[in-house]
Amino acid sequence: DSDEQRWDSWGRLMQPLAATVPGVVAFGNHEVETQPMTGTKFVPANTRFRMPYPKGSPGLNNFWSIEHGPITLLSMGSYIDFDESSPQYAFIKNTLENVDRSR
C-alpha cells in the first residue's frame, strides 16, 4: 500500500489507452490505502484521477455522477460514510431525485 512507484508504473502502462479513450473510475478496496504520515485515505487515487465530484464536497472523487446522453451514471463510495446523515447519502438522494426520466 501507498507504493507511489507502483501507481506511476500502472499509469505509464495505461497512458496510451487513457490518452485516447475517455474513462471514469470508481474507488474500491485497492484505492482505500492510508498514507502513513497523515492517515489520509485515497491520496494516490485522488491525486491521479479527477472525477466530477459534487460542489461543496471536500474535493474527493469517492462519489460522483455524470450524464451522457440518456444515461445518468452514479458512482458511490463504499469505503466512506453513506448513512442518512452523510454528504454522500444527500448527494445520491439528490442525484436520483433529479434524474430526467423523460430522456
N, C-alpha and C. Protein backbone atom coordinates (compact mmCIF):
# COMPACT_ATOMS: atom_id res chain seq x y z
N ASP A 1 0.83 -1.20 0.00
CA ASP A 1 0.00 0.00 0.00
C ASP A 1 0.86 1.25 0.00
N SER A 2 0.29 2.31 -0.53
CA SER A 2 0.96 3.61 -0.63
C SER A 2 2.28 3.52 -1.38
N ASP A 3 2.36 2.60 -2.32
CA ASP A 3 3.56 2.44 -3.14
C ASP A 3 3.42 3.32 -4.38
N GLU A 4 3.93 4.55 -4.28
CA GLU A 4 3.77 5.52 -5.37
C GLU A 4 4.39 5.03 -6.67
N GLN A 5 5.49 4.29 -6.59
CA GLN A 5 6.12 3.78 -7.82
C GLN A 5 5.20 2.80 -8.54
N ARG A 6 4.46 2.02 -7.78
CA ARG A 6 3.52 1.07 -8.40
C ARG A 6 2.40 1.84 -9.11
N TRP A 7 1.88 2.88 -8.46
CA TRP A 7 0.86 3.72 -9.09
C TRP A 7 1.40 4.34 -10.38
N ASP A 8 2.61 4.87 -10.34
CA ASP A 8 3.21 5.51 -11.51
C ASP A 8 3.46 4.50 -12.62
N SER A 9 3.90 3.30 -12.27
CA SER A 9 4.13 2.26 -13.25
C SER A 9 2.83 1.89 -13.96
N TRP A 10 1.76 1.74 -13.19
CA TRP A 10 0.45 1.43 -13.77
C TRP A 10 0.00 2.57 -14.69
N GLY A 11 0.23 3.82 -14.25
CA GLY A 11 -0.14 4.97 -15.07
C GLY A 11 0.59 5.00 -16.40
N ARG A 12 1.88 4.69 -16.39
CA ARG A 12 2.64 4.65 -17.64
C ARG A 12 2.13 3.53 -18.54
N LEU A 13 1.76 2.40 -17.97
CA LEU A 13 1.22 1.29 -18.74
C LEU A 13 -0.11 1.67 -19.40
N MET A 14 -0.95 2.41 -18.68
CA MET A 14 -2.28 2.78 -19.18
C MET A 14 -2.29 4.03 -20.05
N GLN A 15 -1.22 4.81 -20.05
CA GLN A 15 -1.21 6.10 -20.73
C GLN A 15 -1.62 6.04 -22.20
N PRO A 16 -1.12 5.10 -23.02
CA PRO A 16 -1.55 5.09 -24.42
C PRO A 16 -3.07 4.93 -24.58
N LEU A 17 -3.68 4.09 -23.78
CA LEU A 17 -5.13 3.92 -23.85
C LEU A 17 -5.86 5.12 -23.24
N ALA A 18 -5.42 5.57 -22.09
CA ALA A 18 -6.08 6.67 -21.40
C ALA A 18 -5.98 7.98 -22.17
N ALA A 19 -4.97 8.13 -23.02
CA ALA A 19 -4.81 9.34 -23.81
C ALA A 19 -5.79 9.41 -24.98
N THR A 20 -6.39 8.28 -25.33
CA THR A 20 -7.27 8.25 -26.50
C THR A 20 -8.70 7.83 -26.20
N VAL A 21 -8.93 7.19 -25.07
CA VAL A 21 -10.27 6.71 -24.73
C VAL A 21 -10.71 7.33 -23.40
N PRO A 22 -11.82 8.07 -23.41
CA PRO A 22 -12.28 8.64 -22.14
C PRO A 22 -12.68 7.55 -21.16
N GLY A 23 -12.50 7.82 -19.90
CA GLY A 23 -12.87 6.83 -18.89
C GLY A 23 -13.18 7.49 -17.57
N VAL A 24 -13.82 6.75 -16.72
CA VAL A 24 -14.11 7.19 -15.36
C VAL A 24 -13.68 6.09 -14.41
N VAL A 25 -13.45 6.45 -13.17
CA VAL A 25 -13.03 5.47 -12.17
C VAL A 25 -13.98 5.49 -10.98
N ALA A 26 -14.06 4.36 -10.32
CA ALA A 26 -14.79 4.24 -9.06
C ALA A 26 -13.83 3.57 -8.08
N PHE A 27 -13.65 4.17 -6.93
CA PHE A 27 -12.67 3.67 -5.97
C PHE A 27 -13.22 2.46 -5.21
N GLY A 28 -12.35 1.52 -4.95
CA GLY A 28 -12.72 0.32 -4.21
C GLY A 28 -11.63 -0.05 -3.22
N ASN A 29 -11.53 -1.33 -2.91
CA ASN A 29 -10.61 -1.77 -1.87
C ASN A 29 -9.14 -1.54 -2.22
N HIS A 30 -8.78 -1.46 -3.49
CA HIS A 30 -7.39 -1.23 -3.85
C HIS A 30 -6.97 0.23 -3.70
N GLU A 31 -7.94 1.13 -3.63
CA GLU A 31 -7.64 2.56 -3.54
C GLU A 31 -7.81 3.12 -2.12
N VAL A 32 -8.27 2.32 -1.19
CA VAL A 32 -8.57 2.81 0.15
C VAL A 32 -7.32 3.03 0.99
N GLU A 33 -6.16 2.75 0.47
CA GLU A 33 -4.92 2.82 1.24
C GLU A 33 -4.75 4.15 1.98
N THR A 34 -4.16 4.06 3.14
CA THR A 34 -3.97 5.21 4.02
C THR A 34 -2.51 5.65 3.98
N GLN A 35 -2.30 6.96 3.83
CA GLN A 35 -0.95 7.50 3.84
C GLN A 35 -0.37 7.37 5.25
N PRO A 36 0.82 6.79 5.39
CA PRO A 36 1.39 6.57 6.72
C PRO A 36 1.63 7.85 7.53
N MET A 37 2.05 8.92 6.88
CA MET A 37 2.41 10.14 7.61
C MET A 37 1.18 10.93 8.10
N THR A 38 0.10 10.91 7.30
CA THR A 38 -1.04 11.77 7.61
C THR A 38 -2.28 11.02 8.05
N GLY A 39 -2.36 9.74 7.71
CA GLY A 39 -3.58 8.98 8.00
C GLY A 39 -4.70 9.24 7.01
N THR A 40 -4.42 10.06 5.99
CA THR A 40 -5.42 10.39 4.98
C THR A 40 -5.59 9.23 4.01
N LYS A 41 -6.84 8.93 3.68
CA LYS A 41 -7.12 7.83 2.76
C LYS A 41 -7.29 8.35 1.33
N PHE A 42 -7.09 7.47 0.38
CA PHE A 42 -7.33 7.70 -1.05
C PHE A 42 -6.39 8.74 -1.68
N VAL A 43 -5.28 9.09 -1.06
CA VAL A 43 -4.40 10.14 -1.60
C VAL A 43 -3.87 9.78 -2.99
N PRO A 44 -3.28 8.61 -3.21
CA PRO A 44 -2.76 8.32 -4.55
C PRO A 44 -3.85 8.36 -5.63
N ALA A 45 -5.00 7.79 -5.34
CA ALA A 45 -6.08 7.77 -6.33
C ALA A 45 -6.64 9.17 -6.57
N ASN A 46 -6.86 9.94 -5.51
CA ASN A 46 -7.39 11.29 -5.67
C ASN A 46 -6.40 12.21 -6.38
N THR A 47 -5.12 11.94 -6.23
CA THR A 47 -4.10 12.74 -6.89
C THR A 47 -4.06 12.46 -8.39
N ARG A 48 -4.31 11.22 -8.77
CA ARG A 48 -4.14 10.82 -10.16
C ARG A 48 -5.42 10.87 -10.99
N PHE A 49 -6.57 10.84 -10.35
CA PHE A 49 -7.84 10.81 -11.09
C PHE A 49 -8.74 11.95 -10.63
N ARG A 50 -9.34 12.64 -11.59
CA ARG A 50 -10.28 13.72 -11.29
C ARG A 50 -11.63 13.34 -11.86
N MET A 51 -12.56 13.09 -10.98
CA MET A 51 -13.93 12.80 -11.38
C MET A 51 -14.79 14.02 -11.07
N PRO A 52 -15.98 14.08 -11.64
CA PRO A 52 -16.85 15.25 -11.43
C PRO A 52 -17.54 15.21 -10.07
N TYR A 53 -16.78 15.40 -9.00
CA TYR A 53 -17.36 15.34 -7.67
C TYR A 53 -18.27 16.55 -7.43
N PRO A 54 -19.22 16.42 -6.50
CA PRO A 54 -20.21 17.48 -6.31
C PRO A 54 -19.63 18.74 -5.70
N LYS A 55 -20.22 19.88 -6.05
CA LYS A 55 -19.83 21.15 -5.45
C LYS A 55 -20.04 21.08 -3.94
N GLY A 56 -19.12 21.66 -3.22
CA GLY A 56 -19.24 21.67 -1.77
C GLY A 56 -18.68 20.44 -1.09
N SER A 57 -18.26 19.44 -1.88
CA SER A 57 -17.66 18.25 -1.28
C SER A 57 -16.21 18.59 -0.93
N PRO A 58 -15.56 17.74 -0.15
CA PRO A 58 -14.18 18.04 0.21
C PRO A 58 -13.19 17.83 -0.93
N GLY A 59 -13.65 17.73 -2.16
CA GLY A 59 -12.74 17.57 -3.29
C GLY A 59 -12.28 16.15 -3.48
N LEU A 60 -13.09 15.22 -3.07
CA LEU A 60 -12.75 13.81 -3.22
C LEU A 60 -13.53 13.21 -4.37
N ASN A 61 -12.96 12.23 -4.98
CA ASN A 61 -13.58 11.56 -6.12
C ASN A 61 -14.36 10.31 -5.70
N ASN A 62 -14.67 10.18 -4.43
CA ASN A 62 -15.26 8.95 -3.93
C ASN A 62 -16.71 8.75 -4.36
N PHE A 63 -17.42 9.82 -4.65
CA PHE A 63 -18.77 9.68 -5.20
C PHE A 63 -18.99 10.81 -6.19
N TRP A 64 -19.67 10.49 -7.28
CA TRP A 64 -19.86 11.46 -8.35
C TRP A 64 -20.94 10.97 -9.29
N SER A 65 -21.37 11.84 -10.18
CA SER A 65 -22.29 11.43 -11.24
C SER A 65 -22.00 12.23 -12.50
N ILE A 66 -22.31 11.62 -13.63
CA ILE A 66 -22.22 12.30 -14.91
C ILE A 66 -23.45 11.92 -15.73
N GLU A 67 -23.79 12.79 -16.65
CA GLU A 67 -24.86 12.48 -17.59
C GLU A 67 -24.23 12.37 -18.97
N HIS A 68 -24.58 11.31 -19.66
CA HIS A 68 -24.06 11.08 -21.01
C HIS A 68 -25.23 10.59 -21.85
N GLY A 69 -25.71 11.45 -22.71
CA GLY A 69 -26.90 11.08 -23.49
C GLY A 69 -28.06 10.81 -22.54
N PRO A 70 -28.76 9.70 -22.72
CA PRO A 70 -29.90 9.41 -21.86
C PRO A 70 -29.53 8.73 -20.53
N ILE A 71 -28.24 8.61 -20.26
CA ILE A 71 -27.78 7.85 -19.10
C ILE A 71 -27.25 8.78 -18.01
N THR A 72 -27.65 8.52 -16.78
CA THR A 72 -27.03 9.15 -15.62
C THR A 72 -26.22 8.07 -14.93
N LEU A 73 -24.92 8.27 -14.89
CA LEU A 73 -24.01 7.31 -14.27
C LEU A 73 -23.66 7.83 -12.88
N LEU A 74 -23.93 7.04 -11.88
CA LEU A 74 -23.73 7.42 -10.48
C LEU A 74 -22.73 6.47 -9.86
N SER A 75 -21.68 7.01 -9.26
CA SER A 75 -20.68 6.19 -8.58
C SER A 75 -20.72 6.50 -7.09
N MET A 76 -20.83 5.45 -6.29
CA MET A 76 -20.90 5.60 -4.84
C MET A 76 -19.64 5.02 -4.21
N GLY A 77 -19.21 5.60 -3.11
CA GLY A 77 -18.03 5.13 -2.41
C GLY A 77 -18.40 4.23 -1.23
N SER A 78 -18.02 2.98 -1.32
CA SER A 78 -18.37 2.04 -0.25
C SER A 78 -17.41 2.10 0.94
N TYR A 79 -16.33 2.87 0.79
CA TYR A 79 -15.35 2.96 1.87
C TYR A 79 -15.38 4.32 2.57
N ILE A 80 -16.44 5.08 2.36
CA ILE A 80 -16.67 6.32 3.09
C ILE A 80 -18.10 6.30 3.61
N ASP A 81 -18.41 7.20 4.53
CA ASP A 81 -19.74 7.21 5.14
C ASP A 81 -20.84 7.31 4.10
N PHE A 82 -21.88 6.49 4.30
CA PHE A 82 -23.05 6.60 3.43
C PHE A 82 -24.34 6.42 4.22
N ASP A 83 -24.27 6.73 5.52
CA ASP A 83 -25.51 6.69 6.31
C ASP A 83 -26.35 7.92 5.97
N GLU A 84 -27.56 7.99 6.50
CA GLU A 84 -28.51 9.03 6.11
C GLU A 84 -28.06 10.45 6.44
N SER A 85 -27.08 10.61 7.31
CA SER A 85 -26.61 11.96 7.65
C SER A 85 -25.34 12.35 6.88
N SER A 86 -24.87 11.50 5.99
CA SER A 86 -23.60 11.76 5.29
C SER A 86 -23.80 12.61 4.03
N PRO A 87 -22.75 13.34 3.64
CA PRO A 87 -22.81 14.09 2.38
C PRO A 87 -23.05 13.18 1.17
N GLN A 88 -22.48 11.98 1.22
CA GLN A 88 -22.67 11.06 0.10
C GLN A 88 -24.14 10.67 -0.04
N TYR A 89 -24.79 10.36 1.06
CA TYR A 89 -26.20 9.99 1.01
C TYR A 89 -27.04 11.13 0.42
N ALA A 90 -26.78 12.36 0.89
CA ALA A 90 -27.51 13.53 0.38
C ALA A 90 -27.28 13.69 -1.12
N PHE A 91 -26.04 13.50 -1.56
CA PHE A 91 -25.71 13.62 -2.98
C PHE A 91 -26.44 12.55 -3.80
N ILE A 92 -26.41 11.32 -3.34
CA ILE A 92 -27.07 10.23 -4.06
C ILE A 92 -28.58 10.49 -4.13
N LYS A 93 -29.16 10.85 -3.01
CA LYS A 93 -30.60 11.13 -2.97
C LYS A 93 -30.96 12.25 -3.93
N ASN A 94 -30.20 13.33 -3.90
CA ASN A 94 -30.45 14.47 -4.77
C ASN A 94 -30.28 14.08 -6.25
N THR A 95 -29.24 13.33 -6.54
CA THR A 95 -29.00 12.90 -7.93
C THR A 95 -30.15 12.07 -8.45
N LEU A 96 -30.59 11.09 -7.66
CA LEU A 96 -31.67 10.21 -8.11
C LEU A 96 -33.00 10.94 -8.22
N GLU A 97 -33.25 11.88 -7.33
CA GLU A 97 -34.49 12.65 -7.39
C GLU A 97 -34.54 13.57 -8.61
N ASN A 98 -33.37 13.95 -9.12
CA ASN A 98 -33.33 14.91 -10.22
C ASN A 98 -32.99 14.30 -11.57
N VAL A 99 -33.00 12.97 -11.66
CA VAL A 99 -32.77 12.33 -12.97
C VAL A 99 -33.95 12.67 -13.88
N ASP A 100 -33.64 13.10 -15.10
CA ASP A 100 -34.67 13.38 -16.09
C ASP A 100 -35.11 12.05 -16.70
N ARG A 101 -36.19 11.52 -16.21
CA ARG A 101 -36.66 10.20 -16.66
C ARG A 101 -37.39 10.24 -17.98
N SER A 102 -37.54 11.42 -18.54
CA SER A 102 -38.23 11.53 -19.83
C SER A 102 -37.27 11.39 -21.01
N ARG A 103 -35.97 11.33 -20.75
CA ARG A 103 -34.99 11.22 -21.84
C ARG A 103 -34.98 9.84 -22.41
